[in-house]
Amino acid sequence: PAFLQEDLIFPYVRGIAFVTKLYEEGGYAAIDNAFLNLPVSTEQIMHPERYPEDQPIKIELDDFTSLLGDGWEEIDRNSMGEWYTYLMLGKPLSNDWALEEDKAISAAEGWGGDQYLVYHHFENDEDVLIFLNEWDTQADADEYWLAFSDYAMKRWGNTTQKTNTKLTWVLE
C-alpha cells in the first residue's frame, strides 16, 4: 500500500533533506549536534527550519478503562505526529479514501501534538480509539477538522451522529 511505501522511504527522502539543510546552515558541526540533540518529532524532520525550537505539545491522555467498563484493555498508546497524520489523510489503504495531495499536506502541517489510545474488549472482539490532537493555531485546527471530516466521510460514509463539534461513526 502507498502509506507503507511512503513510510519505508521516509528516512531516506525526508532524512537526507533534513541532514542536507543542517549541513547548509552549519556544516558537519550542525549534523554532529543533531546526534546529541535528536529530533523529537517527524514535524522537525519534515520542516528542518523548525528544528530544534518547535517542540511538540505534550499530551497525556488519562486511562479510560474504568469509563469503558469491564472487559476493556488498553492495547496501544502512542502519537501519530505530523507524518502519520499526513499518511492517514493522503495515503490511506484505499485510494478511494485519499484526499488530494496538497490538501493532505496542508491539513497535517499545522500539527502541534497528539496522543491516541486503543482499547480492545477480547470477549466481544470490539475496539475503541480515543484520539486527541492539538494544533499550532485555531486556523490549523479548523483546516485539519474539515480535511479529516472529508476523509472520514469517504471512508465510513454518513455519520451516525452529528452535532456542531462532533461527528460519530459506529462501525458494525
N, C-alpha and C. Protein backbone atom coordinates (compact mmCIF):
# COMPACT_ATOMS: atom_id res chain seq x y z
N PRO A 1 0.83 -1.21 0.00
CA PRO A 1 0.00 0.00 0.00
C PRO A 1 0.87 1.26 0.00
N ALA A 2 0.30 2.33 -0.53
CA ALA A 2 1.05 3.59 -0.67
C ALA A 2 1.57 4.10 0.67
N PHE A 3 0.75 3.98 1.75
CA PHE A 3 1.21 4.51 3.04
C PHE A 3 2.44 3.77 3.53
N LEU A 4 2.52 2.47 3.29
CA LEU A 4 3.67 1.69 3.73
C LEU A 4 4.90 2.04 2.90
N GLN A 5 4.73 2.17 1.60
CA GLN A 5 5.84 2.57 0.74
C GLN A 5 6.40 3.92 1.19
N GLU A 6 5.50 4.88 1.38
CA GLU A 6 5.93 6.22 1.81
C GLU A 6 6.62 6.17 3.17
N ASP A 7 6.07 5.40 4.09
CA ASP A 7 6.65 5.32 5.42
C ASP A 7 8.04 4.69 5.40
N LEU A 8 8.21 3.66 4.57
CA LEU A 8 9.51 2.99 4.50
C LEU A 8 10.60 3.87 3.88
N ILE A 9 10.22 4.76 2.97
CA ILE A 9 11.25 5.62 2.36
C ILE A 9 11.41 6.96 3.09
N PHE A 10 10.58 7.21 4.10
CA PHE A 10 10.66 8.46 4.86
C PHE A 10 12.08 8.77 5.34
N PRO A 11 12.77 7.83 6.00
CA PRO A 11 14.11 8.16 6.49
C PRO A 11 15.09 8.54 5.38
N TYR A 12 14.90 7.95 4.22
CA TYR A 12 15.83 8.20 3.13
C TYR A 12 15.53 9.51 2.39
N VAL A 13 14.26 9.79 2.18
CA VAL A 13 13.89 11.02 1.46
C VAL A 13 13.88 12.21 2.41
N ARG A 14 13.12 12.10 3.48
CA ARG A 14 13.00 13.22 4.44
C ARG A 14 14.26 13.36 5.29
N GLY A 15 14.85 12.24 5.64
CA GLY A 15 16.07 12.27 6.45
C GLY A 15 17.22 12.97 5.75
N ILE A 16 17.42 12.65 4.47
CA ILE A 16 18.52 13.29 3.74
C ILE A 16 18.26 14.77 3.55
N ALA A 17 17.00 15.14 3.34
CA ALA A 17 16.67 16.56 3.22
C ALA A 17 16.94 17.29 4.54
N PHE A 18 16.62 16.64 5.67
CA PHE A 18 16.88 17.21 6.99
C PHE A 18 18.38 17.42 7.19
N VAL A 19 19.17 16.39 6.94
CA VAL A 19 20.62 16.47 7.13
C VAL A 19 21.24 17.49 6.17
N THR A 20 20.77 17.52 4.94
CA THR A 20 21.28 18.49 3.97
C THR A 20 21.05 19.92 4.45
N LYS A 21 19.85 20.18 4.97
CA LYS A 21 19.54 21.53 5.48
C LYS A 21 20.44 21.88 6.65
N LEU A 22 20.67 20.93 7.55
CA LEU A 22 21.58 21.17 8.67
C LEU A 22 22.98 21.50 8.17
N TYR A 23 23.45 20.72 7.19
CA TYR A 23 24.79 20.94 6.65
C TYR A 23 24.92 22.31 6.01
N GLU A 24 23.90 22.70 5.24
CA GLU A 24 23.92 24.00 4.57
C GLU A 24 23.97 25.15 5.57
N GLU A 25 23.36 24.96 6.72
CA GLU A 25 23.31 26.03 7.72
C GLU A 25 24.47 26.01 8.70
N GLY A 26 25.09 24.84 8.92
CA GLY A 26 26.14 24.80 9.94
C GLY A 26 27.21 23.76 9.74
N GLY A 27 27.27 23.17 8.54
CA GLY A 27 28.31 22.19 8.26
C GLY A 27 28.17 20.93 9.11
N TYR A 28 29.29 20.20 9.19
CA TYR A 28 29.27 18.94 9.93
C TYR A 28 29.01 19.15 11.42
N ALA A 29 29.37 20.31 11.95
CA ALA A 29 29.12 20.59 13.36
C ALA A 29 27.62 20.56 13.66
N ALA A 30 26.81 21.07 12.74
CA ALA A 30 25.35 21.07 12.93
C ALA A 30 24.82 19.64 12.90
N ILE A 31 25.37 18.81 12.03
CA ILE A 31 24.95 17.40 11.97
C ILE A 31 25.37 16.68 13.24
N ASP A 32 26.62 16.90 13.67
CA ASP A 32 27.08 16.29 14.93
C ASP A 32 26.18 16.70 16.08
N ASN A 33 25.79 17.97 16.13
CA ASN A 33 24.92 18.46 17.20
C ASN A 33 23.55 17.78 17.17
N ALA A 34 23.06 17.49 15.97
CA ALA A 34 21.77 16.82 15.85
C ALA A 34 21.82 15.42 16.45
N PHE A 35 22.97 14.77 16.39
CA PHE A 35 23.10 13.46 17.03
C PHE A 35 23.08 13.57 18.55
N LEU A 36 23.50 14.72 19.07
CA LEU A 36 23.46 14.96 20.52
C LEU A 36 22.10 15.50 20.96
N ASN A 37 21.36 16.07 20.03
CA ASN A 37 20.05 16.67 20.30
C ASN A 37 19.09 16.17 19.23
N LEU A 38 18.70 14.89 19.34
CA LEU A 38 17.91 14.24 18.30
C LEU A 38 16.56 14.92 18.09
N PRO A 39 16.08 14.92 16.85
CA PRO A 39 14.71 15.41 16.61
C PRO A 39 13.73 14.59 17.44
N VAL A 40 12.71 15.27 17.94
CA VAL A 40 11.73 14.60 18.81
C VAL A 40 10.39 14.39 18.14
N SER A 41 10.27 14.82 16.88
CA SER A 41 9.02 14.62 16.15
C SER A 41 9.30 14.55 14.66
N THR A 42 8.39 13.92 13.95
CA THR A 42 8.51 13.90 12.49
C THR A 42 8.36 15.31 11.93
N GLU A 43 7.63 16.17 12.64
CA GLU A 43 7.48 17.57 12.22
C GLU A 43 8.85 18.23 12.07
N GLN A 44 9.75 17.99 13.01
CA GLN A 44 11.07 18.61 12.95
C GLN A 44 11.87 18.11 11.75
N ILE A 45 11.68 16.86 11.38
CA ILE A 45 12.40 16.31 10.23
C ILE A 45 11.78 16.82 8.93
N MET A 46 10.46 16.90 8.89
CA MET A 46 9.77 17.36 7.69
C MET A 46 10.00 18.85 7.43
N HIS A 47 10.24 19.59 8.50
CA HIS A 47 10.45 21.05 8.41
C HIS A 47 11.74 21.38 9.17
N PRO A 48 12.89 21.12 8.58
CA PRO A 48 14.16 21.30 9.29
C PRO A 48 14.36 22.71 9.83
N GLU A 49 13.72 23.69 9.21
CA GLU A 49 13.83 25.06 9.69
C GLU A 49 13.20 25.23 11.07
N ARG A 50 12.38 24.30 11.51
CA ARG A 50 11.72 24.35 12.81
C ARG A 50 12.51 23.61 13.90
N TYR A 51 13.55 22.91 13.49
CA TYR A 51 14.37 22.13 14.43
C TYR A 51 15.42 23.04 15.04
N PRO A 52 15.71 22.98 16.31
CA PRO A 52 15.07 22.19 17.37
C PRO A 52 14.03 22.97 18.18
N GLU A 53 13.76 24.21 17.79
CA GLU A 53 12.89 25.06 18.60
C GLU A 53 11.45 24.60 18.70
N ASP A 54 10.87 24.13 17.60
CA ASP A 54 9.46 23.78 17.58
C ASP A 54 9.26 22.41 18.21
N GLN A 55 8.96 22.41 19.50
CA GLN A 55 8.76 21.18 20.25
C GLN A 55 7.29 20.77 20.21
N PRO A 56 7.00 19.48 20.14
CA PRO A 56 5.60 19.05 20.15
C PRO A 56 4.93 19.38 21.49
N ILE A 57 3.64 19.62 21.42
CA ILE A 57 2.85 19.83 22.62
C ILE A 57 2.68 18.47 23.29
N LYS A 58 3.04 18.38 24.55
CA LYS A 58 2.96 17.11 25.28
C LYS A 58 1.51 16.84 25.67
N ILE A 59 1.00 15.70 25.26
CA ILE A 59 -0.37 15.30 25.59
C ILE A 59 -0.31 13.95 26.27
N GLU A 60 -0.93 13.85 27.43
CA GLU A 60 -1.01 12.59 28.18
C GLU A 60 -2.47 12.31 28.46
N LEU A 61 -3.07 11.41 27.73
CA LEU A 61 -4.45 11.04 27.96
C LEU A 61 -4.56 10.18 29.22
N ASP A 62 -5.66 10.37 29.94
CA ASP A 62 -5.94 9.55 31.11
C ASP A 62 -6.27 8.13 30.68
N ASP A 63 -6.28 7.23 31.65
CA ASP A 63 -6.70 5.86 31.42
C ASP A 63 -8.23 5.84 31.40
N PHE A 64 -8.82 5.33 30.34
CA PHE A 64 -10.27 5.30 30.18
C PHE A 64 -10.88 3.94 30.52
N THR A 65 -10.08 3.02 31.06
CA THR A 65 -10.56 1.67 31.33
C THR A 65 -11.80 1.67 32.22
N SER A 66 -11.78 2.45 33.30
CA SER A 66 -12.93 2.45 34.22
C SER A 66 -14.15 3.08 33.57
N LEU A 67 -13.97 4.03 32.70
CA LEU A 67 -15.09 4.66 32.00
C LEU A 67 -15.72 3.69 30.99
N LEU A 68 -14.88 2.90 30.33
CA LEU A 68 -15.39 1.95 29.33
C LEU A 68 -16.11 0.77 29.97
N GLY A 69 -15.70 0.39 31.16
CA GLY A 69 -16.35 -0.72 31.84
C GLY A 69 -15.52 -1.99 31.83
N ASP A 70 -16.11 -3.02 32.36
CA ASP A 70 -15.41 -4.30 32.50
C ASP A 70 -15.06 -4.90 31.14
N GLY A 71 -13.91 -5.55 31.09
CA GLY A 71 -13.51 -6.30 29.91
C GLY A 71 -12.66 -5.52 28.92
N TRP A 72 -12.51 -4.22 29.10
CA TRP A 72 -11.72 -3.41 28.17
C TRP A 72 -10.27 -3.35 28.63
N GLU A 73 -9.36 -3.47 27.67
CA GLU A 73 -7.93 -3.44 27.97
C GLU A 73 -7.23 -2.50 26.99
N GLU A 74 -6.40 -1.62 27.54
CA GLU A 74 -5.60 -0.74 26.67
C GLU A 74 -4.55 -1.59 25.97
N ILE A 75 -4.52 -1.52 24.62
CA ILE A 75 -3.55 -2.32 23.86
C ILE A 75 -2.53 -1.47 23.14
N ASP A 76 -2.76 -0.15 23.05
CA ASP A 76 -1.77 0.71 22.40
C ASP A 76 -1.98 2.15 22.86
N ARG A 77 -0.85 2.87 22.98
CA ARG A 77 -0.84 4.28 23.35
C ARG A 77 0.38 4.87 22.65
N ASN A 78 0.15 5.91 21.84
CA ASN A 78 1.27 6.48 21.10
C ASN A 78 0.86 7.82 20.51
N SER A 79 1.74 8.36 19.69
CA SER A 79 1.49 9.61 18.98
C SER A 79 1.59 9.35 17.48
N MET A 80 0.74 10.02 16.71
CA MET A 80 0.81 9.89 15.25
C MET A 80 1.84 10.85 14.67
N GLY A 81 1.92 12.04 15.19
CA GLY A 81 2.83 13.03 14.64
C GLY A 81 2.32 13.57 13.31
N GLU A 82 3.02 14.55 12.79
CA GLU A 82 2.61 15.15 11.52
C GLU A 82 2.68 14.14 10.38
N TRP A 83 3.70 13.29 10.37
CA TRP A 83 3.89 12.36 9.27
C TRP A 83 2.72 11.38 9.14
N TYR A 84 2.35 10.71 10.24
CA TYR A 84 1.25 9.75 10.16
C TYR A 84 -0.10 10.43 9.97
N THR A 85 -0.22 11.67 10.45
CA THR A 85 -1.43 12.43 10.18
C THR A 85 -1.57 12.65 8.68
N TYR A 86 -0.47 13.02 8.04
CA TYR A 86 -0.47 13.18 6.58
C TYR A 86 -0.77 11.84 5.88
N LEU A 87 -0.11 10.77 6.30
CA LEU A 87 -0.33 9.47 5.65
C LEU A 87 -1.78 9.03 5.76
N MET A 88 -2.39 9.25 6.91
CA MET A 88 -3.79 8.87 7.09
C MET A 88 -4.67 9.59 6.08
N LEU A 89 -4.45 10.89 5.90
CA LEU A 89 -5.29 11.68 5.01
C LEU A 89 -4.95 11.49 3.53
N GLY A 90 -3.67 11.38 3.23
CA GLY A 90 -3.24 11.40 1.84
C GLY A 90 -2.88 10.07 1.22
N LYS A 91 -2.56 9.07 2.06
CA LYS A 91 -2.13 7.76 1.55
C LYS A 91 -2.81 6.63 2.31
N PRO A 92 -4.14 6.67 2.45
CA PRO A 92 -4.82 5.60 3.20
C PRO A 92 -4.78 4.28 2.44
N LEU A 93 -5.27 3.24 3.08
CA LEU A 93 -5.25 1.91 2.48
C LEU A 93 -5.94 1.88 1.13
N SER A 94 -7.06 2.57 1.01
CA SER A 94 -7.77 2.63 -0.27
C SER A 94 -7.62 4.02 -0.88
N ASN A 95 -7.28 4.08 -2.14
CA ASN A 95 -7.19 5.38 -2.83
C ASN A 95 -8.53 6.11 -2.86
N ASP A 96 -9.62 5.38 -2.72
CA ASP A 96 -10.95 5.99 -2.70
C ASP A 96 -11.14 6.91 -1.49
N TRP A 97 -10.37 6.70 -0.44
CA TRP A 97 -10.50 7.50 0.77
C TRP A 97 -9.54 8.69 0.78
N ALA A 98 -8.56 8.69 -0.09
CA ALA A 98 -7.48 9.68 -0.05
C ALA A 98 -7.96 11.08 -0.41
N LEU A 99 -7.40 12.05 0.30
CA LEU A 99 -7.60 13.45 -0.06
C LEU A 99 -6.57 13.82 -1.11
N GLU A 100 -6.80 14.92 -1.79
CA GLU A 100 -5.81 15.42 -2.74
C GLU A 100 -4.50 15.68 -1.98
N GLU A 101 -3.38 15.44 -2.63
CA GLU A 101 -2.05 15.55 -2.00
C GLU A 101 -1.85 16.89 -1.30
N ASP A 102 -2.13 17.98 -1.99
CA ASP A 102 -1.91 19.31 -1.40
C ASP A 102 -2.77 19.51 -0.17
N LYS A 103 -4.00 19.04 -0.23
CA LYS A 103 -4.92 19.19 0.90
C LYS A 103 -4.44 18.39 2.11
N ALA A 104 -3.96 17.17 1.88
CA ALA A 104 -3.47 16.33 2.98
C ALA A 104 -2.22 16.93 3.61
N ILE A 105 -1.30 17.41 2.79
CA ILE A 105 -0.07 18.03 3.31
C ILE A 105 -0.41 19.27 4.12
N SER A 106 -1.24 20.12 3.58
CA SER A 106 -1.59 21.37 4.26
C SER A 106 -2.33 21.10 5.56
N ALA A 107 -3.25 20.16 5.56
CA ALA A 107 -4.02 19.86 6.77
C ALA A 107 -3.13 19.30 7.88
N ALA A 108 -2.13 18.52 7.54
CA ALA A 108 -1.24 17.93 8.55
C ALA A 108 -0.19 18.92 9.05
N GLU A 109 0.13 19.92 8.26
CA GLU A 109 1.25 20.79 8.59
C GLU A 109 1.07 21.60 9.87
N GLY A 110 -0.14 21.90 10.27
CA GLY A 110 -0.34 22.67 11.50
C GLY A 110 -0.31 21.83 12.76
N TRP A 111 0.08 20.55 12.64
CA TRP A 111 0.13 19.64 13.78
C TRP A 111 0.98 20.22 14.90
N GLY A 112 0.47 20.10 16.13
CA GLY A 112 1.21 20.58 17.28
C GLY A 112 1.56 19.46 18.25
N GLY A 113 0.71 18.47 18.36
CA GLY A 113 0.94 17.34 19.25
C GLY A 113 -0.30 16.45 19.27
N ASP A 114 -0.13 15.21 19.70
CA ASP A 114 -1.27 14.31 19.79
C ASP A 114 -0.93 13.10 20.65
N GLN A 115 -1.97 12.39 21.02
CA GLN A 115 -1.82 11.07 21.62
C GLN A 115 -3.10 10.29 21.32
N TYR A 116 -2.93 9.00 21.06
CA TYR A 116 -4.09 8.14 20.88
C TYR A 116 -3.99 6.95 21.82
N LEU A 117 -5.16 6.39 22.12
CA LEU A 117 -5.27 5.17 22.91
C LEU A 117 -6.16 4.20 22.14
N VAL A 118 -5.81 2.94 22.17
CA VAL A 118 -6.65 1.90 21.57
C VAL A 118 -6.97 0.91 22.67
N TYR A 119 -8.26 0.65 22.80
CA TYR A 119 -8.75 -0.33 23.76
C TYR A 119 -9.40 -1.48 23.00
N HIS A 120 -9.28 -2.68 23.56
CA HIS A 120 -9.90 -3.85 22.95
C HIS A 120 -10.67 -4.61 24.02
N HIS A 121 -11.82 -5.08 23.64
CA HIS A 121 -12.63 -5.95 24.50
C HIS A 121 -12.51 -7.34 23.91
N PHE A 122 -11.73 -8.21 24.53
CA PHE A 122 -11.40 -9.51 23.96
C PHE A 122 -12.62 -10.43 23.89
N GLU A 123 -13.49 -10.35 24.86
CA GLU A 123 -14.68 -11.22 24.87
C GLU A 123 -15.64 -10.86 23.74
N ASN A 124 -15.84 -9.56 23.50
CA ASN A 124 -16.76 -9.10 22.46
C ASN A 124 -16.08 -8.81 21.13
N ASP A 125 -14.75 -8.85 21.12
CA ASP A 125 -13.95 -8.52 19.94
C ASP A 125 -14.34 -7.14 19.38
N GLU A 126 -14.34 -6.14 20.26
CA GLU A 126 -14.64 -4.77 19.88
C GLU A 126 -13.45 -3.88 20.20
N ASP A 127 -13.34 -2.79 19.46
CA ASP A 127 -12.25 -1.84 19.65
C ASP A 127 -12.80 -0.43 19.84
N VAL A 128 -12.03 0.37 20.59
CA VAL A 128 -12.33 1.79 20.77
C VAL A 128 -11.03 2.55 20.56
N LEU A 129 -11.11 3.62 19.78
CA LEU A 129 -9.97 4.52 19.57
C LEU A 129 -10.32 5.85 20.21
N ILE A 130 -9.42 6.34 21.04
CA ILE A 130 -9.54 7.67 21.63
C ILE A 130 -8.35 8.45 21.14
N PHE A 131 -8.61 9.61 20.56
CA PHE A 131 -7.54 10.38 19.90
C PHE A 131 -7.73 11.85 20.22
N LEU A 132 -6.67 12.48 20.71
CA LEU A 132 -6.69 13.91 21.00
C LEU A 132 -5.50 14.55 20.31
N ASN A 133 -5.77 15.62 19.57
CA ASN A 133 -4.66 16.33 18.93
C ASN A 133 -4.76 17.81 19.22
N GLU A 134 -3.61 18.47 19.16
CA GLU A 134 -3.50 19.91 19.35
C GLU A 134 -2.87 20.48 18.08
N TRP A 135 -3.22 21.71 17.78
CA TRP A 135 -2.76 22.35 16.55
C TRP A 135 -2.06 23.66 16.87
N ASP A 136 -1.20 24.10 15.97
CA ASP A 136 -0.42 25.32 16.21
C ASP A 136 -1.32 26.54 16.35
N THR A 137 -2.40 26.61 15.59
CA THR A 137 -3.33 27.74 15.65
C THR A 137 -4.75 27.21 15.50
N GLN A 138 -5.71 28.05 15.80
CA GLN A 138 -7.11 27.65 15.60
C GLN A 138 -7.40 27.43 14.12
N ALA A 139 -6.79 28.25 13.26
CA ALA A 139 -6.98 28.07 11.81
C ALA A 139 -6.45 26.71 11.36
N ASP A 140 -5.31 26.27 11.93
CA ASP A 140 -4.76 24.95 11.60
C ASP A 140 -5.72 23.85 12.07
N ALA A 141 -6.28 24.02 13.26
CA ALA A 141 -7.23 23.03 13.79
C ALA A 141 -8.47 22.95 12.91
N ASP A 142 -8.98 24.10 12.50
CA ASP A 142 -10.16 24.12 11.63
C ASP A 142 -9.87 23.46 10.29
N GLU A 143 -8.69 23.74 9.72
CA GLU A 143 -8.32 23.15 8.43
C GLU A 143 -8.23 21.63 8.55
N TYR A 144 -7.59 21.14 9.63
CA TYR A 144 -7.49 19.70 9.83
C TYR A 144 -8.89 19.08 10.00
N TRP A 145 -9.74 19.72 10.81
CA TRP A 145 -11.06 19.16 11.06
C TRP A 145 -11.85 19.00 9.76
N LEU A 146 -11.80 19.99 8.90
CA LEU A 146 -12.50 19.90 7.62
C LEU A 146 -11.92 18.78 6.75
N ALA A 147 -10.58 18.70 6.72
CA ALA A 147 -9.93 17.66 5.93
C ALA A 147 -10.24 16.28 6.49
N PHE A 148 -10.15 16.12 7.82
CA PHE A 148 -10.46 14.82 8.42
C PHE A 148 -11.91 14.44 8.18
N SER A 149 -12.82 15.40 8.27
CA SER A 149 -14.23 15.12 8.02
C SER A 149 -14.44 14.62 6.59
N ASP A 150 -13.75 15.24 5.63
CA ASP A 150 -13.83 14.78 4.24
C ASP A 150 -13.31 13.35 4.10
N TYR A 151 -12.16 13.09 4.72
CA TYR A 151 -11.58 11.74 4.69
C TYR A 151 -12.54 10.73 5.31
N ALA A 152 -13.07 11.05 6.49
CA ALA A 152 -13.94 10.13 7.21
C ALA A 152 -15.23 9.85 6.44
N MET A 153 -15.78 10.86 5.80
CA MET A 153 -16.99 10.65 5.01
C MET A 153 -16.70 9.72 3.83
N LYS A 154 -15.52 9.88 3.22
CA LYS A 154 -15.14 8.98 2.13
C LYS A 154 -14.96 7.55 2.63
N ARG A 155 -14.39 7.44 3.82
CA ARG A 155 -14.07 6.12 4.33
C ARG A 155 -15.27 5.41 4.94
N TRP A 156 -16.05 6.11 5.78
CA TRP A 156 -17.11 5.45 6.53
C TRP A 156 -18.51 5.89 6.13
N GLY A 157 -18.62 6.84 5.22
CA GLY A 157 -19.94 7.31 4.80
C GLY A 157 -20.55 8.28 5.79
N ASN A 158 -21.85 8.39 5.74
CA ASN A 158 -22.54 9.34 6.60
C ASN A 158 -22.35 9.00 8.07
N THR A 159 -22.35 10.04 8.89
CA THR A 159 -22.19 9.84 10.33
C THR A 159 -23.47 9.27 10.91
N THR A 160 -23.31 8.62 12.05
CA THR A 160 -24.48 8.13 12.75
C THR A 160 -24.97 9.17 13.75
N GLN A 161 -24.12 10.16 14.07
CA GLN A 161 -24.50 11.24 14.97
C GLN A 161 -23.73 12.47 14.55
N LYS A 162 -24.40 13.61 14.50
CA LYS A 162 -23.73 14.83 14.08
C LYS A 162 -24.21 16.00 14.92
N THR A 163 -23.25 16.73 15.51
CA THR A 163 -23.54 17.99 16.18
C THR A 163 -22.59 19.01 15.59
N ASN A 164 -22.60 20.22 16.10
CA ASN A 164 -21.72 21.27 15.56
C ASN A 164 -20.25 20.96 15.73
N THR A 165 -19.88 20.23 16.76
CA THR A 165 -18.47 19.99 17.03
C THR A 165 -18.09 18.52 17.05
N LYS A 166 -19.02 17.64 16.77
CA LYS A 166 -18.72 16.22 16.94
C LYS A 166 -19.39 15.41 15.84
N LEU A 167 -18.61 14.53 15.25
CA LEU A 167 -19.15 13.56 14.31
C LEU A 167 -18.82 12.19 14.89
N THR A 168 -19.76 11.28 14.82
CA THR A 168 -19.56 9.94 15.38
C THR A 168 -19.93 8.90 14.33
N TRP A 169 -19.04 7.92 14.15
CA TRP A 169 -19.32 6.79 13.28
C TRP A 169 -19.31 5.55 14.15
N VAL A 170 -20.31 4.71 13.98
CA VAL A 170 -20.33 3.43 14.67
C VAL A 170 -20.27 2.39 13.55
N LEU A 171 -19.18 1.64 13.57
CA LEU A 171 -18.97 0.64 12.51
C LEU A 171 -19.48 -0.71 13.01
N GLU A 172 -20.20 -1.37 12.15
CA GLU A 172 -20.76 -2.66 12.56
C GLU A 172 -20.20 -3.78 11.73
